[in-house]
């Protein structure tokens, strides 16, 4: 996430050089990860951490430092 990013709330994901923007429901807004498996894992991670993502989005938009969110185990 970037502090001056535009709405809607979203995250940037990258896999083997492919990039995508996804909203907090796992919908691709732009780009493509080039792998269904990678996209499934990103969506699973979003589902687990949606509350933390919203909190970080609000922090980023206010110019504050975002909190680290744990990866999938």
PDB file of N, CA and C in Angstrom:
ATOM      1  N   UNK A   1       0.838  -1.175   0.000  1.00  0.00           N
ATOM      2  CA  UNK A   1       0.000   0.000   0.000  1.00  0.00           C
ATOM      3  C   UNK A   1       0.880   1.235   0.000  1.00  0.00           C
ATOM      4  N   UNK A   2       0.368   2.263  -0.600  1.00  0.00           N
ATOM      5  CA  UNK A   2       1.089   3.523  -0.664  1.00  0.00           C
ATOM      6  C   UNK A   2       0.214   4.612  -0.068  1.00  0.00           C
ATOM      7  N   UNK A   3       0.812   5.513   0.706  1.00  0.00           N
ATOM      8  CA  UNK A   3       0.044   6.497   1.461  1.00  0.00           C
ATOM      9  C   UNK A   3      -0.828   7.392   0.605  1.00  0.00           C
ATOM     10  N   UNK A   4      -0.424   7.646  -0.621  1.00  0.00           N
ATOM     11  CA  UNK A   4      -1.197   8.561  -1.462  1.00  0.00           C
ATOM     12  C   UNK A   4      -1.985   7.833  -2.547  1.00  0.00           C
ATOM     13  N   UNK A   5      -2.208   6.543  -2.366  1.00  0.00           N
ATOM     14  CA  UNK A   5      -2.938   5.770  -3.367  1.00  0.00           C
ATOM     15  C   UNK A   5      -4.394   6.211  -3.455  1.00  0.00           C
ATOM     16  N   UNK A   6      -4.964   5.928  -4.564  1.00  0.00           N
ATOM     17  CA  UNK A   6      -6.332   6.303  -4.893  1.00  0.00           C
ATOM     18  C   UNK A   6      -7.319   5.258  -4.390  1.00  0.00           C
ATOM     19  N   UNK A   7      -8.573   5.671  -4.271  1.00  0.00           N
ATOM     20  CA  UNK A   7      -9.652   4.735  -3.963  1.00  0.00           C
ATOM     21  C   UNK A   7     -10.008   3.954  -5.215  1.00  0.00           C
ATOM     22  N   UNK A   8     -10.615   2.796  -5.138  1.00  0.00           N
ATOM     23  CA  UNK A   8     -11.054   2.109  -3.932  1.00  0.00           C
ATOM     24  C   UNK A   8      -9.874   1.486  -3.190  1.00  0.00           C
ATOM     25  N   UNK A   9     -10.077   1.154  -1.910  1.00  0.00           N
ATOM     26  CA  UNK A   9      -9.013   0.493  -1.161  1.00  0.00           C
ATOM     27  C   UNK A   9      -8.533  -0.759  -1.903  1.00  0.00           C
ATOM     28  N   UNK A  10      -7.225  -0.898  -1.998  1.00  0.00           N
ATOM     29  CA  UNK A  10      -6.661  -2.009  -2.767  1.00  0.00           C
ATOM     30  C   UNK A  10      -5.246  -2.310  -2.300  1.00  0.00           C
ATOM     31  N   UNK A  11      -4.715  -3.409  -2.814  1.00  0.00           N
ATOM     32  CA  UNK A  11      -3.323  -3.755  -2.545  1.00  0.00           C
ATOM     33  C   UNK A  11      -2.646  -4.128  -3.854  1.00  0.00           C
ATOM     34  N   UNK A  12      -1.346  -4.064  -3.830  1.00  0.00           N
ATOM     35  CA  UNK A  12      -0.519  -4.421  -4.976  1.00  0.00           C
ATOM     36  C   UNK A  12       0.074  -5.797  -4.712  1.00  0.00           C
ATOM     37  N   UNK A  13      -0.067  -6.704  -5.652  1.00  0.00           N
ATOM     38  CA  UNK A  13       0.512  -8.042  -5.523  1.00  0.00           C
ATOM     39  C   UNK A  13       1.413  -8.306  -6.721  1.00  0.00           C
ATOM     40  N   UNK A  14       2.470  -9.070  -6.481  1.00  0.00           N
ATOM     41  CA  UNK A  14       3.396  -9.409  -7.553  1.00  0.00           C
ATOM     42  C   UNK A  14       3.782 -10.877  -7.439  1.00  0.00           C
ATOM     43  N   UNK A  15       3.852 -11.533  -8.594  1.00  0.00           N
ATOM     44  CA  UNK A  15       4.256 -12.929  -8.638  1.00  0.00           C
ATOM     45  C   UNK A  15       5.043 -13.152  -9.924  1.00  0.00           C
ATOM     46  N   UNK A  16       6.263 -13.585  -9.808  1.00  0.00           N
ATOM     47  CA  UNK A  16       7.192 -13.843 -10.923  1.00  0.00           C
ATOM     48  C   UNK A  16       7.187 -12.722 -11.963  1.00  0.00           C
ATOM     49  N   UNK A  17       7.219 -11.490 -11.476  1.00  0.00           N
ATOM     50  CA  UNK A  17       7.269 -10.337 -12.365  1.00  0.00           C
ATOM     51  C   UNK A  17       5.921  -9.849 -12.854  1.00  0.00           C
ATOM     52  N   UNK A  18       4.861 -10.599 -12.623  1.00  0.00           N
ATOM     53  CA  UNK A  18       3.511 -10.166 -12.985  1.00  0.00           C
ATOM     54  C   UNK A  18       2.919  -9.404 -11.813  1.00  0.00           C
ATOM     55  N   UNK A  19       2.201  -8.328 -12.110  1.00  0.00           N
ATOM     56  CA  UNK A  19       1.654  -7.463 -11.064  1.00  0.00           C
ATOM     57  C   UNK A  19       0.158  -7.305 -11.240  1.00  0.00           C
ATOM     58  N   UNK A  20      -0.516  -7.141 -10.104  1.00  0.00           N
ATOM     59  CA  UNK A  20      -1.961  -6.928 -10.121  1.00  0.00           C
ATOM     60  C   UNK A  20      -2.368  -6.048  -8.946  1.00  0.00           C
ATOM     61  N   UNK A  21      -3.440  -5.303  -9.135  1.00  0.00           N
ATOM     62  CA  UNK A  21      -4.085  -4.562  -8.063  1.00  0.00           C
ATOM     63  C   UNK A  21      -5.358  -5.319  -7.731  1.00  0.00           C
ATOM     64  N   UNK A  22      -5.579  -5.591  -6.448  1.00  0.00           N
ATOM     65  CA  UNK A  22      -6.770  -6.296  -6.006  1.00  0.00           C
ATOM     66  C   UNK A  22      -7.477  -5.491  -4.929  1.00  0.00           C
ATOM     67  N   UNK A  23      -8.809  -5.497  -4.969  1.00  0.00           N
ATOM     68  CA  UNK A  23      -9.537  -4.860  -3.883  1.00  0.00           C
ATOM     69  C   UNK A  23      -9.560  -5.803  -2.691  1.00  0.00           C
ATOM     70  N   UNK A  24     -10.167  -5.367  -1.607  1.00  0.00           N
ATOM     71  CA  UNK A  24     -10.137  -6.155  -0.380  1.00  0.00           C
ATOM     72  C   UNK A  24     -11.158  -7.294  -0.377  1.00  0.00           C
ATOM     73  N   UNK A  25     -11.790  -7.532  -1.521  1.00  0.00           N
ATOM     74  CA  UNK A  25     -12.647  -8.710  -1.689  1.00  0.00           C
ATOM     75  C   UNK A  25     -11.991  -9.715  -2.631  1.00  0.00           C
ATOM     76  N   UNK A  26     -10.779  -9.379  -3.096  1.00  0.00           N
ATOM     77  CA  UNK A  26     -10.032 -10.290  -3.961  1.00  0.00           C
ATOM     78  C   UNK A  26     -10.295 -10.110  -5.439  1.00  0.00           C
ATOM     79  N   UNK A  27     -11.036  -9.076  -5.808  1.00  0.00           N
ATOM     80  CA  UNK A  27     -11.296  -8.800  -7.223  1.00  0.00           C
ATOM     81  C   UNK A  27     -10.095  -8.105  -7.851  1.00  0.00           C
ATOM     82  N   UNK A  28      -9.702  -8.542  -9.031  1.00  0.00           N
ATOM     83  CA  UNK A  28      -8.605  -7.893  -9.741  1.00  0.00           C
ATOM     84  C   UNK A  28      -9.118  -6.597 -10.353  1.00  0.00           C
ATOM     85  N   UNK A  29      -8.469  -5.496  -9.995  1.00  0.00           N
ATOM     86  CA  UNK A  29      -8.828  -4.189 -10.539  1.00  0.00           C
ATOM     87  C   UNK A  29      -7.997  -3.866 -11.771  1.00  0.00           C
ATOM     88  N   UNK A  30      -6.770  -4.378 -11.784  1.00  0.00           N
ATOM     89  CA  UNK A  30      -5.851  -4.097 -12.894  1.00  0.00           C
ATOM     90  C   UNK A  30      -4.732  -5.126 -12.863  1.00  0.00           C
ATOM     91  N   UNK A  31      -4.297  -5.548 -14.023  1.00  0.00           N
ATOM     92  CA  UNK A  31      -3.158  -6.450 -14.120  1.00  0.00           C
ATOM     93  C   UNK A  31      -3.549  -7.910 -14.035  1.00  0.00           C
ATOM     94  N   UNK A  32      -2.527  -8.759 -13.854  1.00  0.00           N
ATOM     95  CA  UNK A  32      -2.709 -10.202 -13.819  1.00  0.00           C
ATOM     96  C   UNK A  32      -1.470 -10.820 -13.185  1.00  0.00           C
ATOM     97  N   UNK A  33      -1.668 -11.759 -12.273  1.00  0.00           N
ATOM     98  CA  UNK A  33      -0.533 -12.437 -11.648  1.00  0.00           C
ATOM     99  C   UNK A  33       0.020 -13.559 -12.506  1.00  0.00           C
ATOM    100  N   UNK A  34      -0.704 -13.965 -13.535  1.00  0.00           N
ATOM    101  CA  UNK A  34      -0.217 -14.988 -14.442  1.00  0.00           C
ATOM    102  C   UNK A  34      -0.275 -16.401 -13.893  1.00  0.00           C
ATOM    103  N   UNK A  35      -0.919 -16.569 -12.738  1.00  0.00           N
ATOM    104  CA  UNK A  35      -0.998 -17.893 -12.107  1.00  0.00           C
ATOM    105  C   UNK A  35      -2.279 -17.974 -11.298  1.00  0.00           C
ATOM    106  N   UNK A  36      -3.102 -18.967 -11.605  1.00  0.00           N
ATOM    107  CA  UNK A  36      -4.335 -19.163 -10.827  1.00  0.00           C
ATOM    108  C   UNK A  36      -4.015 -19.529  -9.388  1.00  0.00           C
ATOM    109  N   UNK A  37      -2.968 -20.337  -9.193  1.00  0.00           N
ATOM    110  CA  UNK A  37      -2.585 -20.748  -7.838  1.00  0.00           C
ATOM    111  C   UNK A  37      -2.136 -19.541  -7.009  1.00  0.00           C
ATOM    112  N   UNK A  38      -1.333 -18.667  -7.597  1.00  0.00           N
ATOM    113  CA  UNK A  38      -0.877 -17.476  -6.880  1.00  0.00           C
ATOM    114  C   UNK A  38      -2.058 -16.576  -6.543  1.00  0.00           C
ATOM    115  N   UNK A  39      -2.968 -16.401  -7.483  1.00  0.00           N
ATOM    116  CA  UNK A  39      -4.143 -15.580  -7.237  1.00  0.00           C
ATOM    117  C   UNK A  39      -5.000 -16.176  -6.120  1.00  0.00           C
ATOM    118  N   UNK A  40      -5.161 -17.492  -6.110  1.00  0.00           N
ATOM    119  CA  UNK A  40      -5.927 -18.164  -5.053  1.00  0.00           C
ATOM    120  C   UNK A  40      -5.293 -17.904  -3.690  1.00  0.00           C
ATOM    121  N   UNK A  41      -3.968 -17.973  -3.610  1.00  0.00           N
ATOM    122  CA  UNK A  41      -3.270 -17.735  -2.349  1.00  0.00           C
ATOM    123  C   UNK A  41      -3.408 -16.283  -1.894  1.00  0.00           C
ATOM    124  N   UNK A  42      -3.316 -15.350  -2.818  1.00  0.00           N
ATOM    125  CA  UNK A  42      -3.491 -13.932  -2.470  1.00  0.00           C
ATOM    126  C   UNK A  42      -4.907 -13.705  -1.961  1.00  0.00           C
ATOM    127  N   UNK A  43      -5.893 -14.287  -2.631  1.00  0.00           N
ATOM    128  CA  UNK A  43      -7.287 -14.124  -2.197  1.00  0.00           C
ATOM    129  C   UNK A  43      -7.509 -14.747  -0.819  1.00  0.00           C
ATOM    130  N   UNK A  44      -6.897 -15.886  -0.558  1.00  0.00           N
ATOM    131  CA  UNK A  44      -7.000 -16.517   0.757  1.00  0.00           C
ATOM    132  C   UNK A  44      -6.402 -15.602   1.820  1.00  0.00           C
ATOM    133  N   UNK A  45      -5.255 -15.022   1.521  1.00  0.00           N
ATOM    134  CA  UNK A  45      -4.593 -14.109   2.451  1.00  0.00           C
ATOM    135  C   UNK A  45      -5.469 -12.888   2.711  1.00  0.00           C
ATOM    136  N   UNK A  46      -6.071 -12.326   1.658  1.00  0.00           N
ATOM    137  CA  UNK A  46      -6.966 -11.173   1.819  1.00  0.00           C
ATOM    138  C   UNK A  46      -8.128 -11.542   2.745  1.00  0.00           C
ATOM    139  N   UNK A  47      -8.754 -12.698   2.514  1.00  0.00           N
ATOM    140  CA  UNK A  47      -9.883 -13.124   3.337  1.00  0.00           C
ATOM    141  C   UNK A  47      -9.510 -13.202   4.812  1.00  0.00           C
ATOM    142  N   UNK A  48      -8.336 -13.713   5.101  1.00  0.00           N
ATOM    143  CA  UNK A  48      -7.877 -13.863   6.488  1.00  0.00           C
ATOM    144  C   UNK A  48      -7.581 -12.511   7.133  1.00  0.00           C
ATOM    145  N   UNK A  49      -7.088 -11.565   6.335  1.00  0.00           N
ATOM    146  CA  UNK A  49      -6.567 -10.309   6.893  1.00  0.00           C
ATOM    147  C   UNK A  49      -7.353  -9.062   6.488  1.00  0.00           C
ATOM    148  N   UNK A  50      -8.587  -9.210   6.078  1.00  0.00           N
ATOM    149  CA  UNK A  50      -9.334  -8.067   5.560  1.00  0.00           C
ATOM    150  C   UNK A  50      -9.439  -6.929   6.585  1.00  0.00           C
ATOM    151  N   UNK A  51      -9.661  -7.235   7.858  1.00  0.00           N
ATOM    152  CA  UNK A  51      -9.763  -6.177   8.867  1.00  0.00           C
ATOM    153  C   UNK A  51      -8.439  -5.428   9.013  1.00  0.00           C
ATOM    154  N   UNK A  52      -7.338  -6.156   8.976  1.00  0.00           N
ATOM    155  CA  UNK A  52      -6.016  -5.526   9.065  1.00  0.00           C
ATOM    156  C   UNK A  52      -5.729  -4.677   7.819  1.00  0.00           C
ATOM    157  N   UNK A  53      -6.179  -5.153   6.668  1.00  0.00           N
ATOM    158  CA  UNK A  53      -5.989  -4.387   5.430  1.00  0.00           C
ATOM    159  C   UNK A  53      -6.736  -3.063   5.486  1.00  0.00           C
ATOM    160  N   UNK A  54      -7.966  -3.095   5.979  1.00  0.00           N
ATOM    161  CA  UNK A  54      -8.757  -1.863   6.099  1.00  0.00           C
ATOM    162  C   UNK A  54      -8.075  -0.909   7.072  1.00  0.00           C
ATOM    163  N   UNK A  55      -7.596  -1.435   8.184  1.00  0.00           N
ATOM    164  CA  UNK A  55      -6.894  -0.594   9.156  1.00  0.00           C
ATOM    165  C   UNK A  55      -5.645   0.022   8.532  1.00  0.00           C
ATOM    166  N   UNK A  56      -4.853  -0.779   7.832  1.00  0.00           N
ATOM    167  CA  UNK A  56      -3.648  -0.256   7.176  1.00  0.00           C
ATOM    168  C   UNK A  56      -3.994   0.766   6.097  1.00  0.00           C
ATOM    169  N   UNK A  57      -5.074   0.533   5.361  1.00  0.00           N
ATOM    170  CA  UNK A  57      -5.488   1.495   4.337  1.00  0.00           C
ATOM    171  C   UNK A  57      -5.773   2.849   4.987  1.00  0.00           C
ATOM    172  N   UNK A  58      -6.511   2.827   6.091  1.00  0.00           N
ATOM    173  CA  UNK A  58      -6.833   4.071   6.789  1.00  0.00           C
ATOM    174  C   UNK A  58      -5.569   4.750   7.317  1.00  0.00           C
ATOM    175  N   UNK A  59      -4.646   3.956   7.851  1.00  0.00           N
ATOM    176  CA  UNK A  59      -3.374   4.517   8.318  1.00  0.00           C
ATOM    177  C   UNK A  59      -2.597   5.143   7.163  1.00  0.00           C
ATOM    178  N   UNK A  60      -2.507   4.421   6.061  1.00  0.00           N
ATOM    179  CA  UNK A  60      -1.760   4.909   4.904  1.00  0.00           C
ATOM    180  C   UNK A  60      -2.369   6.201   4.369  1.00  0.00           C
ATOM    181  N   UNK A  61      -3.676   6.253   4.294  1.00  0.00           N
ATOM    182  CA  UNK A  61      -4.356   7.449   3.772  1.00  0.00           C
ATOM    183  C   UNK A  61      -4.145   8.658   4.672  1.00  0.00           C
ATOM    184  N   UNK A  62      -3.932   8.426   5.973  1.00  0.00           N
ATOM    185  CA  UNK A  62      -3.707   9.536   6.897  1.00  0.00           C
ATOM    186  C   UNK A  62      -2.226   9.898   7.000  1.00  0.00           C
ATOM    187  N   UNK A  63      -1.375   9.182   6.266  1.00  0.00           N
ATOM    188  CA  UNK A  63       0.056   9.464   6.268  1.00  0.00           C
ATOM    189  C   UNK A  63       0.830   8.751   7.361  1.00  0.00           C
ATOM    190  N   UNK A  64       0.162   7.881   8.103  1.00  0.00           N
ATOM    191  CA  UNK A  64       0.817   7.139   9.187  1.00  0.00           C
ATOM    192  C   UNK A  64       1.452   5.863   8.630  1.00  0.00           C
ATOM    193  N   UNK A  65       2.365   5.309   9.394  1.00  0.00           N
ATOM    194  CA  UNK A  65       3.024   4.067   9.007  1.00  0.00           C
ATOM    195  C   UNK A  65       2.027   2.910   9.112  1.00  0.00           C
ATOM    196  N   UNK A  66       2.061   2.025   8.136  1.00  0.00           N
ATOM    197  CA  UNK A  66       1.192   0.850   8.167  1.00  0.00           C
ATOM    198  C   UNK A  66       1.810  -0.226   9.033  1.00  0.00           C
ATOM    199  N   UNK A  67       0.968  -1.123   9.507  1.00  0.00           N
ATOM    200  CA  UNK A  67       1.423  -2.235  10.335  1.00  0.00           C
ATOM    201  C   UNK A  67       1.733  -3.428   9.439  1.00  0.00           C
ATOM    202  N   UNK A  68       2.692  -4.223   9.842  1.00  0.00           N
ATOM    203  CA  UNK A  68       3.047  -5.429   9.090  1.00  0.00           C
ATOM    204  C   UNK A  68       1.941  -6.470   9.259  1.00  0.00           C
ATOM    205  N   UNK A  69       1.575  -7.121   8.165  1.00  0.00           N
ATOM    206  CA  UNK A  69       0.562  -8.163   8.196  1.00  0.00           C
ATOM    207  C   UNK A  69       1.269  -9.488   7.898  1.00  0.00           C
ATOM    208  N   UNK A  70       0.973 -10.478   8.696  1.00  0.00           N
ATOM    209  CA  UNK A  70       1.638 -11.786   8.579  1.00  0.00           C
ATOM    210  C   UNK A  70       1.325 -12.455   7.245  1.00  0.00           C
ATOM    211  N   UNK A  71       2.303 -13.186   6.706  1.00  0.00           N
ATOM    212  CA  UNK A  71       2.059 -13.947   5.476  1.00  0.00           C
ATOM    213  C   UNK A  71       1.253 -15.211   5.780  1.00  0.00           C
ATOM    214  N   UNK A  72       0.870 -15.925   4.726  1.00  0.00           N
ATOM    215  CA  UNK A  72       0.237 -17.230   4.921  1.00  0.00           C
ATOM    216  C   UNK A  72       1.231 -18.192   5.518  1.00  0.00           C
ATOM    217  N   UNK A  73       0.766 -19.072   6.364  1.00  0.00           N
ATOM    218  CA  UNK A  73       1.636 -20.108   6.942  1.00  0.00           C
ATOM    219  C   UNK A  73       1.687 -21.310   6.052  1.00  0.00           C
TER     220      UNK A  73
END
